[in-house]
C-alpha atoms as a PDB file:
ATOM      1  CA  MET A   1      -2.905  -0.529 -56.911  1.00  0.00           C
ATOM      2  CA  ASN A   2      -0.592  -0.373 -59.895  1.00  0.00           C
ATOM      3  CA  SER A   3       2.317   1.955 -59.044  1.00  0.00           C
ATOM      4  CA  LYS A   4       2.031   3.699 -62.393  1.00  0.00           C
ATOM      5  CA  THR A   5      -1.732   4.252 -62.423  1.00  0.00           C
ATOM      6  CA  PRO A   6      -2.407   8.033 -62.625  1.00  0.00           C
ATOM      7  CA  ILE A   7      -4.775   9.707 -60.209  1.00  0.00           C
ATOM      8  CA  SER A   8      -6.611  12.998 -60.161  1.00  0.00           C
ATOM      9  CA  ARG A   9      -5.271  16.137 -58.466  1.00  0.00           C
ATOM     10  CA  ARG A  10      -8.341  16.118 -56.206  1.00  0.00           C
ATOM     11  CA  THR A  11      -7.565  12.587 -54.999  1.00  0.00           C
ATOM     12  CA  LEU A  12      -3.911  13.449 -54.416  1.00  0.00           C
ATOM     13  CA  ALA A  13      -4.744  16.574 -52.416  1.00  0.00           C
ATOM     14  CA  LYS A  14      -7.157  14.584 -50.264  1.00  0.00           C
ATOM     15  CA  SER A  15      -4.655  11.760 -49.763  1.00  0.00           C
ATOM     16  CA  ILE A  16      -1.798  13.884 -48.487  1.00  0.00           C
ATOM     17  CA  GLY A  17      -3.458  17.083 -47.326  1.00  0.00           C
ATOM     18  CA  LEU A  18      -1.585  19.511 -49.587  1.00  0.00           C
ATOM     19  CA  GLY A  19      -3.182  22.628 -51.052  1.00  0.00           C
ATOM     20  CA  ALA A  20      -4.477  22.715 -54.605  1.00  0.00           C
ATOM     21  CA  GLY A  21      -1.411  24.620 -55.787  1.00  0.00           C
ATOM     22  CA  ILE A  22       0.937  21.829 -54.839  1.00  0.00           C
ATOM     23  CA  ALA A  23      -1.549  19.095 -55.700  1.00  0.00           C
ATOM     24  CA  ALA A  24      -1.362  20.305 -59.283  1.00  0.00           C
ATOM     25  CA  GLY A  25       2.357  19.729 -59.243  1.00  0.00           C
ATOM     26  CA  ALA A  26       1.886  16.144 -58.216  1.00  0.00           C
ATOM     27  CA  THR A  27      -0.165  14.861 -61.137  1.00  0.00           C
ATOM     28  CA  LEU A  28       2.756  12.926 -62.530  1.00  0.00           C
ATOM     29  CA  LEU A  29       3.330  11.029 -59.320  1.00  0.00           C
ATOM     30  CA  GLY A  30       1.054   8.162 -60.321  1.00  0.00           C
ATOM     31  CA  GLY A  31      -1.006   6.061 -57.924  1.00  0.00           C
ATOM     32  CA  ILE A  32      -0.978   6.869 -54.250  1.00  0.00           C
ATOM     33  CA  ALA A  33      -1.166   4.337 -51.465  1.00  0.00           C
ATOM     34  CA  ALA A  34      -2.667   5.123 -48.069  1.00  0.00           C
ATOM     35  CA  PRO A  35      -0.161   6.850 -45.745  1.00  0.00           C
ATOM     36  CA  ALA A  36       1.850   4.174 -43.962  1.00  0.00           C
ATOM     37  CA  ILE A  37       5.336   3.060 -43.079  1.00  0.00           C
ATOM     38  CA  VAL A  38       6.398   0.941 -46.046  1.00  0.00           C
ATOM     39  CA  ARG A  39       8.180  -2.388 -45.920  1.00  0.00           C
ATOM     40  CA  ALA A  40      11.973  -2.451 -45.946  1.00  0.00           C
ATOM     41  CA  GLN A  41      13.495  -3.126 -49.360  1.00  0.00           C
ATOM     42  CA  ALA A  42      16.627  -2.408 -51.365  1.00  0.00           C
ATOM     43  CA  LYS A  43      17.779   1.113 -50.490  1.00  0.00           C
ATOM     44  CA  THR A  44      17.342   3.915 -53.028  1.00  0.00           C
ATOM     45  CA  THR A  45      19.636   6.932 -52.595  1.00  0.00           C
ATOM     46  CA  LEU A  46      18.452  10.325 -53.870  1.00  0.00           C
ATOM     47  CA  LYS A  47      20.352  13.626 -53.999  1.00  0.00           C
ATOM     48  CA  LEU A  48      19.043  17.041 -52.952  1.00  0.00           C
ATOM     49  CA  GLY A  49      21.233  20.003 -53.860  1.00  0.00           C
ATOM     50  CA  HIS A  50      20.580  23.632 -52.936  1.00  0.00           C
ATOM     51  CA  LEU A  51      22.284  27.019 -52.691  1.00  0.00           C
ATOM     52  CA  GLY A  52      22.032  27.795 -48.973  1.00  0.00           C
ATOM     53  CA  ASN A  53      24.678  27.226 -46.331  1.00  0.00           C
ATOM     54  CA  GLU A  54      24.314  24.987 -43.299  1.00  0.00           C
ATOM     55  CA  ASP A  55      22.731  27.787 -41.229  1.00  0.00           C
ATOM     56  CA  ASN A  56      20.076  28.576 -43.841  1.00  0.00           C
ATOM     57  CA  VAL A  57      16.488  27.587 -42.995  1.00  0.00           C
ATOM     58  CA  TRP A  58      16.196  25.881 -46.399  1.00  0.00           C
ATOM     59  CA  HIS A  59      19.032  23.558 -45.415  1.00  0.00           C
ATOM     60  CA  LYS A  60      17.466  22.799 -42.060  1.00  0.00           C
ATOM     61  CA  ALA A  61      14.138  22.083 -43.757  1.00  0.00           C
ATOM     62  CA  SER A  62      15.929  19.863 -46.282  1.00  0.00           C
ATOM     63  CA  LEU A  63      17.352  17.800 -43.424  1.00  0.00           C
ATOM     64  CA  VAL A  64      13.828  17.434 -42.000  1.00  0.00           C
ATOM     65  CA  PHE A  65      12.679  16.265 -45.446  1.00  0.00           C
ATOM     66  CA  ALA A  66      15.489  13.692 -45.590  1.00  0.00           C
ATOM     67  CA  ASP A  67      14.733  12.418 -42.088  1.00  0.00           C
ATOM     68  CA  GLU A  68      11.018  12.150 -42.808  1.00  0.00           C
ATOM     69  CA  VAL A  69      11.604  10.278 -46.078  1.00  0.00           C
ATOM     70  CA  ALA A  70      13.826   7.768 -44.283  1.00  0.00           C
ATOM     71  CA  LYS A  71      11.282   7.328 -41.484  1.00  0.00           C
ATOM     72  CA  ARG A  72       8.268   7.001 -43.772  1.00  0.00           C
ATOM     73  CA  THR A  73       9.985   4.481 -46.063  1.00  0.00           C
ATOM     74  CA  ASN A  74      11.473   2.453 -43.210  1.00  0.00           C
ATOM     75  CA  GLY A  75      14.946   3.309 -44.511  1.00  0.00           C
ATOM     76  CA  ALA A  76      14.244   2.148 -48.066  1.00  0.00           C
ATOM     77  CA  VAL A  77      14.841   5.652 -49.464  1.00  0.00           C
ATOM     78  CA  GLU A  78      17.759   7.822 -48.372  1.00  0.00           C
ATOM     79  CA  VAL A  79      17.946  11.505 -49.310  1.00  0.00           C
ATOM     80  CA  LYS A  80      21.434  12.988 -49.164  1.00  0.00           C
ATOM     81  CA  VAL A  81      21.479  16.787 -48.827  1.00  0.00           C
ATOM     82  CA  PHE A  82      24.212  18.879 -50.485  1.00  0.00           C
ATOM     83  CA  PRO A  83      24.227  22.587 -49.474  1.00  0.00           C
ATOM     84  CA  ASN A  84      26.507  25.420 -50.659  1.00  0.00           C
ATOM     85  CA  GLU A  85      26.127  24.737 -54.400  1.00  0.00           C
ATOM     86  CA  GLN A  86      28.112  21.524 -53.971  1.00  0.00           C
ATOM     87  CA  LEU A  87      26.204  19.975 -56.877  1.00  0.00           C
ATOM     88  CA  GLY A  88      26.212  23.172 -58.954  1.00  0.00           C
ATOM     89  CA  LYS A  89      24.515  26.531 -59.257  1.00  0.00           C
ATOM     90  CA  GLU A  90      20.729  26.832 -59.437  1.00  0.00           C
ATOM     91  CA  THR A  91      20.484  26.426 -63.209  1.00  0.00           C
ATOM     92  CA  ASP A  92      22.852  23.441 -63.049  1.00  0.00           C
ATOM     93  CA  LEU A  93      20.647  21.813 -60.426  1.00  0.00           C
ATOM     94  CA  ILE A  94      17.519  22.320 -62.512  1.00  0.00           C
ATOM     95  CA  LYS A  95      19.183  20.806 -65.566  1.00  0.00           C
ATOM     96  CA  GLY A  96      20.578  17.982 -63.434  1.00  0.00           C
ATOM     97  CA  ILE A  97      17.077  17.013 -62.326  1.00  0.00           C
ATOM     98  CA  GLN A  98      15.871  17.093 -65.924  1.00  0.00           C
ATOM     99  CA  LEU A  99      18.766  14.807 -66.898  1.00  0.00           C
ATOM    100  CA  GLY A 100      18.238  12.523 -63.893  1.00  0.00           C
ATOM    101  CA  THR A 101      21.645  13.119 -62.264  1.00  0.00           C
ATOM    102  CA  ILE A 102      20.091  15.048 -59.342  1.00  0.00           C
ATOM    103  CA  ASP A 103      16.742  14.333 -57.710  1.00  0.00           C
ATOM    104  CA  PHE A 104      15.610  17.399 -55.735  1.00  0.00           C
ATOM    105  CA  THR A 105      16.409  21.085 -55.392  1.00  0.00           C
ATOM    106  CA  ILE A 106      14.942  24.321 -54.056  1.00  0.00           C
ATOM    107  CA  THR A 107      14.157  26.803 -56.803  1.00  0.00           C
ATOM    108  CA  GLY A 108      11.769  29.571 -57.730  1.00  0.00           C
ATOM    109  CA  GLU A 109      11.554  32.365 -60.274  1.00  0.00           C
ATOM    110  CA  SER A 110      14.675  31.084 -62.069  1.00  0.00           C
ATOM    111  CA  LEU A 111      12.318  28.522 -63.601  1.00  0.00           C
ATOM    112  CA  GLN A 112      10.846  31.303 -65.748  1.00  0.00           C
ATOM    113  CA  ASN A 113      13.613  30.511 -68.245  1.00  0.00           C
ATOM    114  CA  TRP A 114      11.512  27.423 -69.026  1.00  0.00           C
ATOM    115  CA  ALA A 115       8.074  28.288 -67.627  1.00  0.00           C
ATOM    116  CA  PRO A 116       7.114  31.995 -67.866  1.00  0.00           C
ATOM    117  CA  ALA A 117       4.522  31.573 -65.093  1.00  0.00           C
ATOM    118  CA  ALA A 118       7.368  31.043 -62.598  1.00  0.00           C
ATOM    119  CA  ALA A 119       8.059  34.787 -62.831  1.00  0.00           C
ATOM    120  CA  LEU A 120       4.935  35.236 -60.693  1.00  0.00           C
ATOM    121  CA  LEU A 121       6.737  33.800 -57.661  1.00  0.00           C
ATOM    122  CA  ALA A 122       8.428  37.187 -57.145  1.00  0.00           C
ATOM    123  CA  VAL A 123       6.393  40.129 -58.439  1.00  0.00           C
ATOM    124  CA  PRO A 124       6.621  43.499 -56.633  1.00  0.00           C
ATOM    125  CA  TYR A 125       3.616  44.098 -54.410  1.00  0.00           C
ATOM    126  CA  ALA A 126       1.663  41.102 -55.685  1.00  0.00           C
ATOM    127  CA  ILE A 127       1.741  39.270 -52.325  1.00  0.00           C
ATOM    128  CA  ARG A 128       0.600  41.315 -49.328  1.00  0.00           C
ATOM    129  CA  ASP A 129       1.697  39.141 -46.384  1.00  0.00           C
ATOM    130  CA  LEU A 130       2.260  35.530 -45.306  1.00  0.00           C
ATOM    131  CA  ASP A 131      -1.451  34.801 -44.976  1.00  0.00           C
ATOM    132  CA  HIS A 132      -2.080  36.066 -48.497  1.00  0.00           C
ATOM    133  CA  LEU A 133       0.901  34.044 -49.758  1.00  0.00           C
ATOM    134  CA  ASP A 134      -0.498  30.811 -48.314  1.00  0.00           C
ATOM    135  CA  LYS A 135      -3.902  31.448 -49.870  1.00  0.00           C
ATOM    136  CA  VAL A 136      -2.338  32.200 -53.268  1.00  0.00           C
ATOM    137  CA  VAL A 137       0.009  29.218 -53.364  1.00  0.00           C
ATOM    138  CA  THR A 138      -2.579  26.687 -52.175  1.00  0.00           C
ATOM    139  CA  GLY A 139      -5.362  28.243 -54.230  1.00  0.00           C
ATOM    140  CA  GLU A 140      -6.185  28.527 -57.906  1.00  0.00           C
ATOM    141  CA  PRO A 141      -3.320  30.885 -58.898  1.00  0.00           C
ATOM    142  CA  GLY A 142      -0.784  28.589 -57.230  1.00  0.00           C
ATOM    143  CA  ARG A 143      -2.318  25.547 -58.909  1.00  0.00           C
ATOM    144  CA  LYS A 144      -1.907  27.153 -62.320  1.00  0.00           C
ATOM    145  CA  ILE A 145       1.688  28.210 -61.635  1.00  0.00           C
ATOM    146  CA  ALA A 146       2.696  24.779 -60.291  1.00  0.00           C
ATOM    147  CA  GLU A 147       0.998  23.030 -63.200  1.00  0.00           C
ATOM    148  CA  ALA A 148       2.771  25.252 -65.737  1.00  0.00           C
ATOM    149  CA  ILE A 149       6.127  24.577 -64.087  1.00  0.00           C
ATOM    150  CA  GLU A 150       5.554  20.834 -64.149  1.00  0.00           C
ATOM    151  CA  GLN A 151       4.428  20.800 -67.778  1.00  0.00           C
ATOM    152  CA  LYS A 152       7.267  22.983 -69.042  1.00  0.00           C
ATOM    153  CA  THR A 153      10.165  21.710 -66.909  1.00  0.00           C
ATOM    154  CA  GLN A 154       9.305  18.147 -65.784  1.00  0.00           C
ATOM    155  CA  LEU A 155      10.007  19.354 -62.235  1.00  0.00           C
ATOM    156  CA  VAL A 156       7.255  18.530 -59.740  1.00  0.00           C
ATOM    157  CA  PRO A 157       6.613  21.147 -57.016  1.00  0.00           C
ATOM    158  CA  LEU A 158       6.415  19.031 -53.864  1.00  0.00           C
ATOM    159  CA  THR A 159       5.898  21.878 -51.395  1.00  0.00           C
ATOM    160  CA  TYR A 160       6.785  25.540 -50.939  1.00  0.00           C
ATOM    161  CA  PHE A 161       8.759  27.713 -48.527  1.00  0.00           C
ATOM    162  CA  ALA A 162       8.195  31.382 -47.747  1.00  0.00           C
ATOM    163  CA  ARG A 163      11.025  33.782 -48.487  1.00  0.00           C
ATOM    164  CA  GLY A 164      12.083  36.837 -46.527  1.00  0.00           C
ATOM    165  CA  PRO A 165      10.630  40.100 -47.883  1.00  0.00           C
ATOM    166  CA  ARG A 166      12.973  42.237 -49.965  1.00  0.00           C
ATOM    167  CA  ASN A 167      13.718  45.623 -48.400  1.00  0.00           C
ATOM    168  CA  LEU A 168      15.570  48.713 -49.605  1.00  0.00           C
ATOM    169  CA  THR A 169      18.743  49.748 -47.782  1.00  0.00           C
ATOM    170  CA  SER A 170      20.254  53.180 -48.301  1.00  0.00           C
ATOM    171  CA  LYS A 171      22.469  55.921 -46.902  1.00  0.00           C
ATOM    172  CA  ARG A 172      19.499  58.215 -46.249  1.00  0.00           C
ATOM    173  CA  PRO A 173      15.999  57.379 -45.013  1.00  0.00           C
ATOM    174  CA  ILE A 174      13.363  56.855 -47.717  1.00  0.00           C
ATOM    175  CA  LYS A 175       9.724  56.857 -46.611  1.00  0.00           C
ATOM    176  CA  SER A 176       7.936  57.381 -49.924  1.00  0.00           C
ATOM    177  CA  PRO A 177       8.715  56.813 -53.619  1.00  0.00           C
ATOM    178  CA  ASP A 178       8.891  60.586 -54.116  1.00  0.00           C
ATOM    179  CA  GLU A 179      12.062  60.556 -52.015  1.00  0.00           C
ATOM    180  CA  LEU A 180      13.913  58.226 -54.377  1.00  0.00           C
ATOM    181  CA  ASN A 181      14.890  61.155 -56.607  1.00  0.00           C
ATOM    182  CA  GLY A 182      17.044  59.223 -59.091  1.00  0.00           C
ATOM    183  CA  LEU A 183      18.588  57.043 -56.389  1.00  0.00           C
ATOM    184  CA  LYS A 184      21.452  54.974 -57.810  1.00  0.00           C
ATOM    185  CA  MET A 185      20.721  51.460 -56.651  1.00  0.00           C
ATOM    186  CA  ARG A 186      21.719  47.905 -57.416  1.00  0.00           C
ATOM    187  CA  VAL A 187      19.125  45.367 -58.499  1.00  0.00           C
ATOM    188  CA  PRO A 188      19.592  41.754 -59.646  1.00  0.00           C
ATOM    189  CA  ASN A 189      19.543  41.160 -63.376  1.00  0.00           C
ATOM    190  CA  VAL A 190      15.765  40.690 -63.441  1.00  0.00           C
ATOM    191  CA  PRO A 191      14.035  42.866 -66.072  1.00  0.00           C
ATOM    192  CA  LEU A 192      10.864  43.109 -63.975  1.00  0.00           C
ATOM    193  CA  PHE A 193      12.819  44.538 -61.030  1.00  0.00           C
ATOM    194  CA  VAL A 194      14.567  47.064 -63.283  1.00  0.00           C
ATOM    195  CA  SER A 195      11.238  48.228 -64.727  1.00  0.00           C
ATOM    196  CA  PHE A 196       9.653  48.455 -61.271  1.00  0.00           C
ATOM    197  CA  TRP A 197      12.338  50.684 -59.770  1.00  0.00           C
ATOM    198  CA  GLN A 198      12.515  52.834 -62.874  1.00  0.00           C
ATOM    199  CA  GLY A 199       8.762  53.333 -62.555  1.00  0.00           C
ATOM    200  CA  LEU A 200       9.307  54.512 -58.982  1.00  0.00           C
ATOM    201  CA  GLY A 201      11.828  57.125 -60.082  1.00  0.00           C
ATOM    202  CA  ALA A 202      15.070  55.423 -59.074  1.00  0.00           C
ATOM    203  CA  LYS A 203      18.055  54.611 -61.294  1.00  0.00           C
ATOM    204  CA  PRO A 204      18.428  50.831 -60.953  1.00  0.00           C
ATOM    205  CA  THR A 205      21.627  49.172 -62.133  1.00  0.00           C
ATOM    206  CA  PRO A 206      21.888  45.383 -62.548  1.00  0.00           C
ATOM    207  CA  MET A 207      25.063  44.198 -60.815  1.00  0.00           C
ATOM    208  CA  ALA A 208      26.500  40.899 -59.624  1.00  0.00           C
ATOM    209  CA  PHE A 209      25.797  40.346 -55.943  1.00  0.00           C
ATOM    210  CA  SER A 210      29.514  39.868 -55.254  1.00  0.00           C
ATOM    211  CA  GLU A 211      30.167  43.457 -56.412  1.00  0.00           C
ATOM    212  CA  VAL A 212      27.500  45.179 -54.317  1.00  0.00           C
ATOM    213  CA  PHE A 213      29.458  45.768 -51.109  1.00  0.00           C
ATOM    214  CA  THR A 214      32.329  47.446 -52.954  1.00  0.00           C
ATOM    215  CA  GLY A 215      29.886  49.478 -55.040  1.00  0.00           C
ATOM    216  CA  LEU A 216      28.220  50.791 -51.881  1.00  0.00           C
ATOM    217  CA  GLN A 217      31.547  51.417 -50.224  1.00  0.00           C
ATOM    218  CA  ASN A 218      32.917  53.576 -53.043  1.00  0.00           C
ATOM    219  CA  ASP A 219      29.545  55.254 -53.811  1.00  0.00           C
ATOM    220  CA  THR A 220      29.189  53.761 -57.286  1.00  0.00           C
ATOM    221  CA  ILE A 221      25.718  52.945 -56.000  1.00  0.00           C
ATOM    222  CA  GLU A 222      23.820  54.464 -53.077  1.00  0.00           C
ATOM    223  CA  ALA A 223      21.411  51.674 -52.239  1.00  0.00           C
ATOM    224  CA  GLN A 224      20.416  48.057 -52.811  1.00  0.00           C
ATOM    225  CA  GLU A 225      17.462  45.768 -52.052  1.00  0.00           C
ATOM    226  CA  ASN A 226      17.489  42.275 -50.573  1.00  0.00           C
ATOM    227  CA  PRO A 227      15.976  40.119 -47.812  1.00  0.00           C
ATOM    228  CA  LEU A 228      17.286  40.561 -44.264  1.00  0.00           C
ATOM    229  CA  ALA A 229      19.309  37.341 -44.436  1.00  0.00           C
ATOM    230  CA  LEU A 230      21.409  38.572 -47.351  1.00  0.00           C
ATOM    231  CA  ILE A 231      21.716  42.078 -45.919  1.00  0.00           C
ATOM    232  CA  LYS A 232      23.268  40.551 -42.822  1.00  0.00           C
ATOM    233  CA  SER A 233      25.399  37.857 -44.451  1.00  0.00           C
ATOM    234  CA  ALA A 234      26.886  40.377 -46.914  1.00  0.00           C
ATOM    235  CA  SER A 235      27.618  42.845 -44.071  1.00  0.00           C
ATOM    236  CA  PHE A 236      25.749  45.652 -45.823  1.00  0.00           C
ATOM    237  CA  TYR A 237      25.182  47.171 -42.377  1.00  0.00           C
ATOM    238  CA  GLU A 238      28.801  48.336 -42.571  1.00  0.00           C
ATOM    239  CA  VAL A 239      28.071  50.561 -45.582  1.00  0.00           C
ATOM    240  CA  GLN A 240      24.318  51.266 -45.264  1.00  0.00           C
ATOM    241  CA  LYS A 241      22.693  53.061 -42.346  1.00  0.00           C
ATOM    242  CA  TYR A 242      18.994  52.770 -43.185  1.00  0.00           C
ATOM    243  CA  LEU A 243      16.823  49.721 -43.764  1.00  0.00           C
ATOM    244  CA  ASN A 244      13.627  50.996 -45.362  1.00  0.00           C
ATOM    245  CA  LEU A 245      10.800  48.500 -44.783  1.00  0.00           C
ATOM    246  CA  THR A 246       9.428  48.535 -48.310  1.00  0.00           C
ATOM    247  CA  GLU A 247       8.752  44.763 -48.286  1.00  0.00           C
ATOM    248  CA  HIS A 248       8.267  45.216 -52.024  1.00  0.00           C
ATOM    249  CA  VAL A 249       8.646  41.518 -52.865  1.00  0.00           C
ATOM    250  CA  ILE A 250       7.135  38.819 -50.670  1.00  0.00           C
ATOM    251  CA  SER A 251       7.660  35.543 -52.463  1.00  0.00           C
ATOM    252  CA  TRP A 252       7.910  31.796 -52.212  1.00  0.00           C
ATOM    253  CA  ILE A 253      10.130  29.051 -53.525  1.00  0.00           C
ATOM    254  CA  TYR A 254       9.504  25.388 -54.298  1.00  0.00           C
ATOM    255  CA  LEU A 255      11.087  22.148 -53.186  1.00  0.00           C
ATOM    256  CA  VAL A 256      10.943  20.245 -56.481  1.00  0.00           C
ATOM    257  CA  GLY A 257      11.673  16.724 -57.660  1.00  0.00           C
ATOM    258  CA  GLY A 258      12.051  15.193 -61.097  1.00  0.00           C
ATOM    259  CA  SER A 259       8.845  13.704 -62.496  1.00  0.00           C
ATOM    260  CA  LYS A 260      10.669  10.997 -64.460  1.00  0.00           C
ATOM    261  CA  LYS A 261      12.477   9.654 -61.399  1.00  0.00           C
ATOM    262  CA  LEU A 262       9.415   9.896 -59.169  1.00  0.00           C
ATOM    263  CA  ASN A 263       7.243   8.088 -61.695  1.00  0.00           C
ATOM    264  CA  LYS A 264       9.594   5.105 -61.589  1.00  0.00           C
ATOM    265  CA  MET A 265       9.280   4.730 -57.828  1.00  0.00           C
ATOM    266  CA  PRO A 266       6.686   2.539 -56.081  1.00  0.00           C
ATOM    267  CA  ALA A 267       3.474   4.338 -55.150  1.00  0.00           C
ATOM    268  CA  ASP A 268       4.029   3.994 -51.410  1.00  0.00           C
ATOM    269  CA  GLN A 269       7.442   5.646 -51.700  1.00  0.00           C
ATOM    270  CA  ARG A 270       5.988   8.508 -53.730  1.00  0.00           C
ATOM    271  CA  THR A 271       3.367   9.002 -51.044  1.00  0.00           C
ATOM    272  CA  ALA A 272       6.084   9.004 -48.376  1.00  0.00           C
ATOM    273  CA  ILE A 273       8.044  11.663 -50.290  1.00  0.00           C
ATOM    274  CA  MET A 274       5.007  13.926 -50.622  1.00  0.00           C
ATOM    275  CA  GLU A 275       4.162  13.550 -46.936  1.00  0.00           C
ATOM    276  CA  ALA A 276       7.794  14.235 -45.999  1.00  0.00           C
ATOM    277  CA  ALA A 277       7.688  17.413 -48.088  1.00  0.00           C
ATOM    278  CA  LYS A 278       4.610  18.578 -46.191  1.00  0.00           C
ATOM    279  CA  ALA A 279       6.395  17.957 -42.868  1.00  0.00           C
ATOM    280  CA  ALA A 280       9.428  19.910 -44.129  1.00  0.00           C
ATOM    281  CA  GLN A 281       7.179  22.841 -45.061  1.00  0.00           C
ATOM    282  CA  ALA A 282       5.746  23.021 -41.548  1.00  0.00           C
ATOM    283  CA  ALA A 283       9.229  22.893 -40.016  1.00  0.00           C
ATOM    284  CA  GLU A 284      10.556  25.530 -42.407  1.00  0.00           C
ATOM    285  CA  ARG A 285       7.750  27.981 -41.632  1.00  0.00           C
ATOM    286  CA  LYS A 286       8.476  27.852 -37.897  1.00  0.00           C
ATOM    287  CA  LEU A 287      12.209  28.313 -38.525  1.00  0.00           C
ATOM    288  CA  PHE A 288      11.543  31.102 -41.028  1.00  0.00           C
ATOM    289  CA  ILE A 289       9.463  33.200 -38.614  1.00  0.00           C
ATOM    290  CA  GLU A 290      12.018  32.761 -35.836  1.00  0.00           C
ATOM    291  CA  ASP A 291      14.883  33.588 -38.197  1.00  0.00           C
ATOM    292  CA  GLU A 292      13.288  36.799 -39.527  1.00  0.00           C
ATOM    293  CA  ALA A 293      12.816  38.128 -35.991  1.00  0.00           C
ATOM    294  CA  LYS A 294      16.406  37.298 -35.063  1.00  0.00           C
ATOM    295  CA  LEU A 295      17.798  38.876 -38.237  1.00  0.00           C
ATOM    296  CA  ALA A 296      15.941  42.125 -37.559  1.00  0.00           C
ATOM    297  CA  ALA A 297      17.271  42.242 -33.994  1.00  0.00           C
ATOM    298  CA  ASP A 298      20.819  41.513 -35.150  1.00  0.00           C
ATOM    299  CA  LEU A 299      20.778  44.240 -37.812  1.00  0.00           C
ATOM    300  CA  LYS A 300      19.431  46.798 -35.354  1.00  0.00           C
ATOM    301  CA  ALA A 301      22.151  45.805 -32.900  1.00  0.00           C
ATOM    302  CA  LYS A 302      24.713  46.440 -35.643  1.00  0.00           C
ATOM    303  CA  GLY A 303      23.474  49.996 -36.043  1.00  0.00           C
ATOM    304  CA  MET A 304      20.925  49.855 -38.848  1.00  0.00           C
ATOM    305  CA  GLU A 305      17.899  52.110 -38.434  1.00  0.00           C
ATOM    306  CA  PHE A 306      14.609  50.538 -39.560  1.00  0.00           C
ATOM    307  CA  VAL A 307      12.403  53.028 -41.402  1.00  0.00           C
ATOM    308  CA  THR A 308       8.628  52.610 -41.783  1.00  0.00           C
ATOM    309  CA  VAL A 309       7.565  53.498 -45.320  1.00  0.00           C
ATOM    310  CA  ASP A 310       4.339  54.237 -47.185  1.00  0.00           C
ATOM    311  CA  LYS A 311       4.033  50.828 -48.841  1.00  0.00           C
ATOM    312  CA  ALA A 312       0.708  51.696 -50.436  1.00  0.00           C
ATOM    313  CA  ALA A 313       2.349  54.609 -52.243  1.00  0.00           C
ATOM    314  CA  PHE A 314       5.207  52.399 -53.472  1.00  0.00           C
ATOM    315  CA  ALA A 315       2.750  49.776 -54.705  1.00  0.00           C
ATOM    316  CA  GLU A 316       0.485  52.265 -56.464  1.00  0.00           C
ATOM    317  CA  LYS A 317       3.275  54.140 -58.219  1.00  0.00           C
ATOM    318  CA  GLY A 318       5.109  50.982 -59.261  1.00  0.00           C
ATOM    319  CA  ARG A 319       2.125  48.925 -60.451  1.00  0.00           C
ATOM    320  CA  PRO A 320       1.885  50.374 -64.015  1.00  0.00           C
ATOM    321  CA  ALA A 321       5.515  49.397 -64.648  1.00  0.00           C
ATOM    322  CA  VAL A 322       4.884  45.899 -63.269  1.00  0.00           C
ATOM    323  CA  VAL A 323       1.792  45.365 -65.398  1.00  0.00           C
ATOM    324  CA  ALA A 324       3.584  46.586 -68.526  1.00  0.00           C
ATOM    325  CA  ALA A 325       6.439  44.146 -67.892  1.00  0.00           C
ATOM    326  CA  LEU A 326       4.230  41.048 -67.568  1.00  0.00           C
ATOM    327  CA  SER A 327       3.585  38.974 -70.667  1.00  0.00           C
ATOM    328  CA  PRO A 328      -0.015  38.436 -71.855  1.00  0.00           C
ATOM    329  CA  GLU A 329       0.449  34.748 -71.002  1.00  0.00           C
ATOM    330  CA  ILE A 330       0.824  35.351 -67.273  1.00  0.00           C
ATOM    331  CA  LYS A 331      -0.994  38.653 -66.739  1.00  0.00           C
ATOM    332  CA  PRO A 332      -4.360  36.902 -66.013  1.00  0.00           C
ATOM    333  CA  ILE A 333      -2.766  34.861 -63.192  1.00  0.00           C
ATOM    334  CA  TYR A 334      -1.253  38.061 -61.760  1.00  0.00           C
ATOM    335  CA  ASP A 335      -4.749  39.562 -61.676  1.00  0.00           C
ATOM    336  CA  GLU A 336      -6.013  36.430 -59.879  1.00  0.00           C
ATOM    337  CA  ILE A 337      -3.251  36.794 -57.272  1.00  0.00           C
ATOM    338  CA  LEU A 338      -4.266  40.394 -56.551  1.00  0.00           C
ATOM    339  CA  ALA A 339      -7.909  39.322 -56.256  1.00  0.00           C
ATOM    340  CA  VAL A 340      -7.268  36.671 -53.576  1.00  0.00           C
ATOM    341  CA  LYS A 341      -8.626  37.924 -50.262  1.00  0.00           C
END
């Protein structure tokens, strides 16, 4: 088979067992050989940069990806992993892949700067749980999102990782949106998040993450929202008593590679990379579930009180603001996500 002969998404999905969402992202990978250990040849070295530290599950999954690539190419392809923004911040990594100076990264809704559909990776109360997430990403909505990302950015989604749900921490318990009462809270500089919390009755303030602890300490803000991993790593438990289980954003992120570089590689090596990505996804999911349970236990041990909230009330009250903030281009895919059972 000619290494540059294109194949259909259906054939690719069947060849490597990925869902339709990721199969869409692989259309530029050219011809696919049957899964096999390929013959040894001149070594190709590829670089994977990401933002997490060495303890982060993304880093551990990246190491699995690198090991699997080496094994499946019989050492012909080496992936070197660079954590801790060693190769640059997220936007730098994306641009580096587009320029060909970097080969892989882990990225998500930041891609909306190029592909508006990427905003759908993190929409409040769009994803209900992990099972729903898997069905969305590997189904028709995920296929459309991955395809849009590939077309607009020349980054190929190879696989996806789940992300820890975002929860609201505060200095008083909050069980329903009616209890927000103009709560002064920090949000990242994401217009959709600002609109959502305003719709719930809070007073959201975009603020750099590095300033949040001090803001909570001196009461410039009363609350913030983040996944458990960041709540722990930033020591917010020292200045916040309550962790309100809003789980208002359940999202995913992609391991991506550059289509130009991948297209230049032999078909058997491209197959090996896609199969290695699938193995990394399985490893990451196991680590992710274990890590979330440990983080919850650690935060409780440090004195945080976990508060059960009326998530249905949060979702219902916040949905009009979410819908109003979505562009007409991506609103139909949002509706498809909600419709997935």
